[in-house]
Each structure stands twice: as structure tokens, then as C-alpha cells.
């Protein structure tokens, strides 16, 4: 039988953001998690949305801390982190000012009038930021890659952005002159004597319905004279594989910035969002002296109550015999001067 034009199979659309050779986490069109899971399909998404109702969050959940006004820079062996909100933190060390996944917008959505809305203001007013040298963008979800914020940061500070493959196309579509370096897992960049390593995370990406997994996701290890800082980005626990990798490659870190929220319901979220108990296990596996909990208490994304991640984190710290002083669930405006790094044995297994 001859197949006519109407019956012919349509060719797959090309990757919208990146063209490159296939690898152990890229099939030539889409990225994936090696030996891991891809995100659930739309039927599972619909099942979640129509299932158990989300716990109601307050319209406003003020932080106990006033908005911070950071110093211009921190030098020597100092390491200071200030929570802006969600996965946005200001890291100050080695004379550099670094932002992770900066979001100052009121909503994390493709729409300015709908979608998850902040329940507390940013912990630093954008105009009170010190000069920003470096921005780390872990992936392209709207609660992590906020183009409106990047445009404002570019106009004010012209920072360097480091992000995994494909995200440069999205950023330059809105901010054409932004300085962006993109890399694959395992790549290394340098800025003013600081090394930035892109490391694997277990997650996914999309800005809409037609670009799922067309840009890569990652964590970062920032190697400074004051110690190593690990920003895990957005990630599922993935049997601890990526955390063991960080410990084996980097020998431990002074500070790990780890997600602790957006984890319910587990049947849907577990592959890509770790819960507080997994975050404590992650801290131990990556051999971190201290950890800052993020990705909670700012945007209502999933089913758990707003304060549950912090309560569950404290329970997990006690259960794993980790001091509560070593792992903080940080809230907007909170400033933490990380103590000097302790010598720690590498984890067994």
C-alpha cells in the first residue's frame, strides 16, 4: 500500500534551544536523567490536579526578618548567605556576589496576572543588592528562570550568567546582550579565581507544552578560597546518586544549598522534588558541613502546608542525629554567616 501525504508520519520537531551530539543524558533531541525517570505525562498531571485538594496557604506569610541590606562584599574566609525567597539566595564570599535562580517577580508563571504568587516580599529589595558578579540558573522552570528579573539584573549590574545547555537561547531571547555561558554536566568555568562546576541533578525542564526537556538542568559546585559551595538546583533524591558523585568528586563542601519543599503528593513529585528527610540524607551523602534549605515558603506549588517543610526538616535532623544548627530552613531576609569548615570523614557507602 502506498502511503500518501495525509498518512505519512510527521517528522519530530527539532530541539528549540540546543543542537549537539547525543550523550548519556541527551538523545539528540531531548535531555533525560540517566538511569532515572522522566516527568509524568499529562494524564498523571490531571489526576493530581483533580485529586486531593492542596492545603490552603495564607495569602500573606510574613518573614520574621526585615529585608536585608547586604554589605558590598565579603572577603577572606567569610561565607555569608542571605535568603531572597524560594531558590533565590545571595552568596557572598571571596569578594564575589553570587545569586542563585534569581526571582524578584510577584508571580512564577508565563502570565503576569495568573499563576503562583509570592506570599512574602523578596528578602532583599533588588535596589539594595550589592554589585552582582555571577548568576547561576539551574533550569528553565518559571520559579527558577525569571526573565524579567534577569533583564533588571543585566541593566543594573551586567553579571555573568552560567546555566546548563539550551537555557542561553531562552535568556537571550529576552535579554540579547546578557553575558551567558552554557555548559554540560561536568563542565568547569572560572571567574576571578573562582571555579564553577556544573553537576548532575535529577529533574526536567519546560517553558510550555512543546519544549519539554529541550534544555538541560543542573546543580553547581562553586570552588572558592573560602571553601566549596554546592547549589543543588531543583532535584529529586534519585537514590542519592548525584550527592555521592559530589562527595567523590569534590571531597565535601562547606555549604550545601538544598531544596526541602514542593514534594507532595509523593506519588507524583518524588522523582523530581525531594522531601525534607531526603534533604538531610543528601547533606550527609554530599559531605556538607552545613546546609541551607530552600524551595519552600514563598510560592504555593504543591500540596503540603506552608510550614510543613521546616517542621519535617527538624524531625529528620533529629532522626539522623544531625545538629539543628547545621541545617537551616531559611526564610526571606535571613542572613547566615557560615562557620569555618570542619574536617569531616567521607561518608561510607
Protein backbone atom coordinates (compact mmCIF):
# COMPACT_ATOMS: atom_id res chain seq x y z
CA UNK A 1 0.00 0.00 0.00
CA UNK A 2 1.27 3.42 -0.91
CA UNK A 3 1.32 5.89 1.94
CA UNK A 4 0.05 9.27 0.82
CA UNK A 5 0.88 12.66 2.33
CA UNK A 6 -2.08 12.55 4.72
CA UNK A 7 -0.95 9.19 6.12
CA UNK A 8 2.75 9.92 6.30
CA UNK A 9 4.24 10.16 9.77
CA UNK A 10 5.11 13.74 10.65
CA UNK A 11 8.78 14.30 11.46
CA UNK A 12 9.60 15.18 15.02
CA UNK A 13 10.16 18.87 15.68
CA UNK A 14 13.78 19.82 16.24
CA UNK A 15 15.06 20.91 19.65
CA UNK A 16 14.07 24.56 20.07
CA UNK A 17 17.10 25.58 22.13
CA UNK A 18 20.09 23.32 21.59
CA UNK A 19 21.69 21.29 18.83
CA UNK A 20 24.53 18.98 19.75
CA UNK A 21 25.74 15.40 19.79
CA UNK A 22 23.92 12.67 21.70
CA UNK A 23 25.28 11.69 25.10
CA UNK A 24 24.37 9.58 28.12
CA UNK A 25 21.74 12.23 29.02
CA UNK A 26 20.79 13.66 25.60
CA UNK A 27 19.20 11.62 22.81
CA UNK A 28 19.85 14.19 20.11
CA UNK A 29 16.55 15.98 20.74
CA UNK A 30 15.66 15.81 24.42
CA UNK A 31 17.61 15.60 27.67
CA UNK A 32 16.89 12.87 30.21
CA UNK A 33 18.05 11.56 33.60
CA UNK A 34 20.44 8.59 33.18
CA UNK A 35 19.01 5.53 34.92
CA UNK A 36 16.27 7.81 36.21
CA UNK A 37 12.77 8.95 35.44
CA UNK A 38 11.19 11.38 33.02
CA UNK A 39 8.33 13.57 34.24
CA UNK A 40 4.87 12.04 34.39
CA UNK A 41 2.56 12.68 31.46
CA UNK A 42 -0.49 14.91 31.24
CA UNK A 43 -2.86 12.19 32.46
CA UNK A 44 -0.90 11.96 35.73
CA UNK A 45 -0.84 15.75 35.96
CA UNK A 46 -4.62 15.82 35.54
CA UNK A 47 -5.01 13.09 38.16
CA UNK A 48 -3.00 15.21 40.61
CA UNK A 49 -4.90 18.40 39.85
CA UNK A 50 -8.28 16.69 40.21
CA UNK A 51 -7.29 14.61 43.22
CA UNK A 52 -6.76 15.57 46.84
CA UNK A 53 -7.05 19.32 47.23
CA UNK A 54 -3.96 21.30 48.13
CA UNK A 55 -3.70 22.53 51.69
CA UNK A 56 -4.67 26.19 51.66
CA UNK A 57 -1.83 28.65 52.11
CA UNK A 58 -2.26 32.12 53.62
CA UNK A 59 -2.35 34.98 51.14
CA UNK A 60 0.45 36.57 53.15
CA UNK A 61 3.08 34.79 55.26
CA UNK A 62 5.47 37.46 56.53
CA UNK A 63 9.02 36.59 57.40
CA UNK A 64 10.22 37.29 60.95
CA UNK A 65 13.23 39.02 59.37
CA UNK A 66 13.25 42.51 57.90
CA UNK A 67 14.54 42.92 54.37
CA UNK A 68 18.32 42.60 54.45
CA UNK A 69 20.71 45.29 53.25
CA UNK A 70 23.87 43.40 52.31
CA UNK A 71 27.38 44.73 52.58
CA UNK A 72 29.19 45.41 49.29
CA UNK A 73 31.28 42.24 49.59
CA UNK A 74 32.68 39.60 51.97
CA UNK A 75 36.38 38.82 51.80
CA UNK A 76 38.86 36.44 53.37
CA UNK A 77 37.42 33.21 54.74
CA UNK A 78 33.95 34.65 55.19
CA UNK A 79 30.92 33.00 53.63
CA UNK A 80 27.55 34.70 54.01
CA UNK A 81 24.23 33.64 52.53
CA UNK A 82 21.06 35.73 52.51
CA UNK A 83 17.68 34.27 51.60
CA UNK A 84 15.74 36.21 48.98
CA UNK A 85 12.98 33.61 48.66
CA UNK A 86 12.30 30.16 47.17
CA UNK A 87 15.56 29.15 45.38
CA UNK A 88 16.94 32.69 45.20
CA UNK A 89 19.86 33.28 47.55
CA UNK A 90 22.69 35.79 47.65
CA UNK A 91 26.06 34.15 48.31
CA UNK A 92 28.91 36.45 49.34
CA UNK A 93 32.43 35.08 49.57
CA UNK A 94 35.93 35.62 48.16
CA UNK A 95 34.99 39.17 47.14
CA UNK A 96 32.24 37.89 44.81
CA UNK A 97 28.47 38.37 44.97
CA UNK A 98 26.57 35.41 43.51
CA UNK A 99 22.83 34.92 43.00
CA UNK A 100 21.13 31.56 42.59
CA UNK A 101 17.99 31.25 40.43
CA UNK A 102 17.01 34.90 40.98
CA UNK A 103 13.28 35.64 41.03
CA UNK A 104 12.03 39.08 42.12
CA UNK A 105 8.74 38.88 40.19
CA UNK A 106 5.41 38.67 42.01
CA UNK A 107 4.38 35.50 40.13
CA UNK A 108 6.17 32.48 38.68
CA UNK A 109 4.17 31.93 35.54
CA UNK A 110 4.13 32.73 31.82
CA UNK A 111 1.31 35.13 32.71
CA UNK A 112 1.75 38.30 34.76
CA UNK A 113 -1.83 38.13 36.11
CA UNK A 114 -2.16 34.42 36.99
CA UNK A 115 -0.13 31.61 38.48
CA UNK A 116 1.63 31.08 41.82
CA UNK A 117 2.05 34.38 43.66
CA UNK A 118 4.56 35.32 46.34
CA UNK A 119 3.28 35.17 49.90
CA UNK A 120 6.14 37.31 51.18
CA UNK A 121 8.28 40.01 49.57
CA UNK A 122 11.86 39.33 48.50
CA UNK A 123 14.28 39.19 51.41
CA UNK A 124 16.44 41.81 49.70
CA UNK A 125 14.99 44.68 47.68
CA UNK A 126 16.51 44.48 44.23
CA UNK A 127 17.81 48.03 44.58
CA UNK A 128 19.63 47.07 47.80
CA UNK A 129 21.67 44.31 46.18
CA UNK A 130 25.43 44.73 46.11
CA UNK A 131 27.05 44.64 42.65
CA UNK A 132 26.27 41.17 41.31
CA UNK A 133 29.17 39.35 39.65
CA UNK A 134 27.68 35.95 38.90
CA UNK A 135 24.23 34.40 38.44
CA UNK A 136 23.64 30.65 38.50
CA UNK A 137 20.46 29.48 36.72
CA UNK A 138 19.76 25.80 37.30
CA UNK A 139 16.97 25.23 34.75
CA UNK A 140 14.16 26.93 32.88
CA UNK A 141 11.06 26.45 35.05
CA UNK A 142 9.41 29.79 35.82
CA UNK A 143 10.18 29.61 39.54
CA UNK A 144 13.90 29.39 38.70
CA UNK A 145 14.45 31.24 35.41
CA UNK A 146 12.71 34.61 35.62
CA UNK A 147 13.43 36.66 32.51
CA UNK A 148 12.04 39.89 33.95
CA UNK A 149 14.46 39.67 36.87
CA UNK A 150 17.41 38.78 34.63
CA UNK A 151 16.67 41.82 32.48
CA UNK A 152 16.74 44.06 35.57
CA UNK A 153 19.95 42.49 36.84
CA UNK A 154 21.57 42.95 33.44
CA UNK A 155 20.63 46.63 33.34
CA UNK A 156 21.89 47.27 36.87
CA UNK A 157 24.99 45.05 37.17
CA UNK A 158 25.76 43.21 33.89
CA UNK A 159 26.56 39.94 35.71
CA UNK A 160 27.83 36.77 34.09
CA UNK A 161 25.17 34.05 33.91
CA UNK A 162 26.19 30.39 33.99
CA UNK A 163 23.49 27.88 33.09
CA UNK A 164 23.20 24.41 31.53
CA UNK A 165 22.77 23.74 27.81
CA UNK A 166 19.91 25.37 25.94
CA UNK A 167 18.95 27.97 28.50
CA UNK A 168 21.09 30.62 26.81
CA UNK A 169 18.63 30.68 23.89
CA UNK A 170 15.75 31.43 26.27
CA UNK A 171 17.66 34.15 28.12
CA UNK A 172 18.99 35.88 25.02
CA UNK A 173 15.51 35.87 23.52
CA UNK A 174 14.55 38.45 26.17
CA UNK A 175 17.95 39.90 27.14
CA UNK A 176 20.03 39.77 23.94
CA UNK A 177 23.16 41.38 25.39
CA UNK A 178 23.33 39.36 28.59
CA UNK A 179 26.65 37.63 29.19
CA UNK A 180 25.76 33.93 29.29
CA UNK A 181 27.98 30.86 29.46
CA UNK A 182 26.34 27.49 28.97
CA UNK A 183 27.76 24.11 29.74
CA UNK A 184 27.07 20.42 30.12
CA UNK A 185 27.33 18.33 33.28
CA UNK A 186 30.99 18.11 34.22
CA UNK A 187 31.99 21.39 32.58
CA UNK A 188 34.04 23.95 34.51
CA UNK A 189 34.19 27.75 34.28
CA UNK A 190 36.39 30.30 36.03
CA UNK A 191 35.67 33.83 37.23
CA UNK A 192 38.15 35.92 39.24
CA UNK A 193 39.91 32.93 40.75
CA UNK A 194 36.68 31.03 41.49
CA UNK A 195 35.82 27.78 39.69
CA UNK A 196 32.22 26.90 38.87
CA UNK A 197 31.39 23.26 38.12
CA UNK A 198 28.11 22.10 36.55
CA UNK A 199 26.94 18.90 38.21
CA UNK A 200 24.04 16.50 37.53
CA UNK A 201 20.59 16.94 39.04
CA UNK A 202 17.54 14.68 38.66
CA UNK A 203 14.84 16.96 37.24
CA UNK A 204 13.37 18.13 33.95
CA UNK A 205 12.59 21.35 32.06
CA UNK A 206 9.85 23.16 30.14
CA UNK A 207 8.57 26.66 29.49
CA UNK A 208 5.44 25.45 27.71
CA UNK A 209 3.81 22.34 26.27
CA UNK A 210 6.11 21.90 23.26
CA UNK A 211 9.59 22.18 24.75
CA UNK A 212 9.70 19.56 27.49
CA UNK A 213 13.27 18.52 28.26
CA UNK A 214 14.74 20.57 25.41
CA UNK A 215 17.04 22.47 27.80
CA UNK A 216 19.25 20.86 30.42
CA UNK A 217 19.02 21.17 34.23
CA UNK A 218 21.90 21.05 36.71
CA UNK A 219 23.37 21.79 40.10
CA UNK A 220 26.59 23.73 40.69
CA UNK A 221 29.68 23.48 42.87
CA UNK A 222 31.43 26.82 43.38
CA UNK A 223 35.04 26.35 44.42
CA UNK A 224 36.43 29.35 46.32
CA UNK A 225 39.30 30.21 48.63
CA UNK A 226 36.75 30.16 51.49
CA UNK A 227 35.56 26.64 50.69
CA UNK A 228 33.21 24.88 48.30
CA UNK A 229 29.52 25.71 47.94
CA UNK A 230 27.06 23.26 46.40
CA UNK A 231 23.79 24.60 44.97
CA UNK A 232 21.76 21.51 44.06
CA UNK A 233 19.21 23.41 41.98
CA UNK A 234 15.86 21.63 41.78
CA UNK A 235 16.17 17.87 42.14
CA UNK A 236 14.75 14.58 43.25
CA UNK A 237 16.80 12.43 45.59
CA UNK A 238 17.42 9.75 42.92
CA UNK A 239 18.76 7.19 45.42
CA UNK A 240 21.45 9.70 46.40
CA UNK A 241 23.41 9.07 43.21
CA UNK A 242 24.17 12.70 42.42
CA UNK A 243 25.05 13.51 46.04
CA UNK A 244 27.55 10.66 46.21
CA UNK A 245 29.02 11.97 42.97
CA UNK A 246 29.57 15.41 44.51
CA UNK A 247 31.33 13.91 47.54
CA UNK A 248 33.51 11.67 45.40
CA UNK A 249 34.46 14.45 43.00
CA UNK A 250 34.81 17.37 45.40
CA UNK A 251 35.59 15.68 48.72
CA UNK A 252 32.88 17.55 50.57
CA UNK A 253 31.56 21.11 50.70
CA UNK A 254 31.40 23.85 53.31
CA UNK A 255 27.79 24.67 52.44
CA UNK A 256 25.10 22.80 50.51
CA UNK A 257 22.00 24.70 49.38
CA UNK A 258 19.32 22.03 49.14
CA UNK A 259 15.60 22.08 48.24
CA UNK A 260 13.25 20.97 51.03
CA UNK A 261 9.80 21.88 49.67
CA UNK A 262 7.30 21.23 46.85
CA UNK A 263 7.25 17.47 47.49
CA UNK A 264 3.58 16.41 47.87
CA UNK A 265 1.94 14.23 46.65
CA UNK A 266 4.87 11.84 46.69
CA UNK A 267 3.45 9.53 44.00
CA UNK A 268 3.75 12.46 41.58
CA UNK A 269 6.59 14.60 42.94
CA UNK A 270 9.11 12.10 44.35
CA UNK A 271 11.23 11.62 41.19
CA UNK A 272 11.92 15.33 40.79
CA UNK A 273 11.38 17.04 44.20
CA UNK A 274 13.00 15.64 47.32
CA UNK A 275 11.35 15.86 50.73
CA UNK A 276 12.99 17.11 53.97
CA UNK A 277 14.15 13.67 55.10
CA UNK A 278 15.83 13.12 51.73
CA UNK A 279 17.41 16.57 52.02
CA UNK A 280 19.06 15.59 55.32
CA UNK A 281 20.28 12.35 53.76
CA UNK A 282 21.56 14.44 50.84
CA UNK A 283 23.53 16.66 53.22
CA UNK A 284 25.22 13.61 54.71
CA UNK A 285 25.90 11.96 51.36
CA UNK A 286 27.47 15.03 49.73
CA UNK A 287 29.58 15.53 52.87
CA UNK A 288 28.40 19.06 53.64
CA UNK A 289 29.46 20.78 56.85
CA UNK A 290 26.33 22.98 56.75
CA UNK A 291 23.17 23.16 54.67
CA UNK A 292 20.65 25.86 53.81
CA UNK A 293 17.13 24.70 52.98
CA UNK A 294 15.38 26.48 50.12
CA UNK A 295 12.45 25.97 47.71
CA UNK A 296 9.75 26.41 50.35
CA UNK A 297 7.57 29.08 51.96
CA UNK A 298 7.36 31.52 49.02
CA UNK A 299 5.26 30.14 46.15
CA UNK A 300 2.38 27.67 46.59
CA UNK A 301 3.31 24.98 44.08
CA UNK A 302 2.27 21.65 45.62
CA UNK A 303 0.04 20.08 48.27
CA UNK A 304 1.90 20.34 51.58
CA UNK A 305 1.09 23.08 54.16
CA UNK A 306 3.32 26.13 54.07
CA UNK A 307 5.14 25.42 57.35
CA UNK A 308 5.43 21.65 56.98
CA UNK A 309 8.85 21.55 55.26
CA UNK A 310 10.53 23.26 58.21
CA UNK A 311 8.80 21.03 60.77
CA UNK A 312 9.64 17.89 58.79
CA UNK A 313 13.24 19.06 58.40
CA UNK A 314 13.65 19.38 62.17
CA UNK A 315 12.20 15.88 62.63
CA UNK A 316 14.59 14.49 60.03
CA UNK A 317 17.62 16.18 61.59
CA UNK A 318 16.78 14.62 64.94
CA UNK A 319 16.17 11.22 63.35
CA UNK A 320 19.54 11.29 61.57
CA UNK A 321 21.38 12.69 64.60
CA UNK A 322 22.36 15.93 62.85
CA UNK A 323 22.54 19.14 64.86
CA UNK A 324 19.71 21.56 64.10
CA UNK A 325 22.35 24.30 63.95
CA UNK A 326 23.89 22.72 60.86
CA UNK A 327 20.86 22.77 58.55
CA UNK A 328 18.58 25.80 58.45
CA UNK A 329 15.28 26.12 56.62
CA UNK A 330 15.96 29.69 55.54
CA UNK A 331 13.25 32.34 55.16
CA UNK A 332 13.19 35.68 53.35
CA UNK A 333 15.62 38.22 54.78
CA UNK A 334 17.51 35.68 56.90
CA UNK A 335 21.29 36.16 56.91
CA UNK A 336 23.65 33.33 57.87
CA UNK A 337 27.40 33.60 58.29
CA UNK A 338 28.54 30.04 57.70
CA UNK A 339 31.07 28.85 60.33
CA UNK A 340 34.51 27.82 59.21
CA UNK A 341 34.60 24.41 57.57
CA UNK A 342 35.18 21.42 59.82
CA UNK A 343 37.26 18.40 58.82
CA UNK A 344 34.86 15.56 58.11
CA UNK A 345 35.41 11.96 57.06
CA UNK A 346 33.99 10.93 53.72
CA UNK A 347 30.65 9.08 54.07
CA UNK A 348 30.76 5.30 53.90
CA UNK A 349 28.99 3.54 51.03
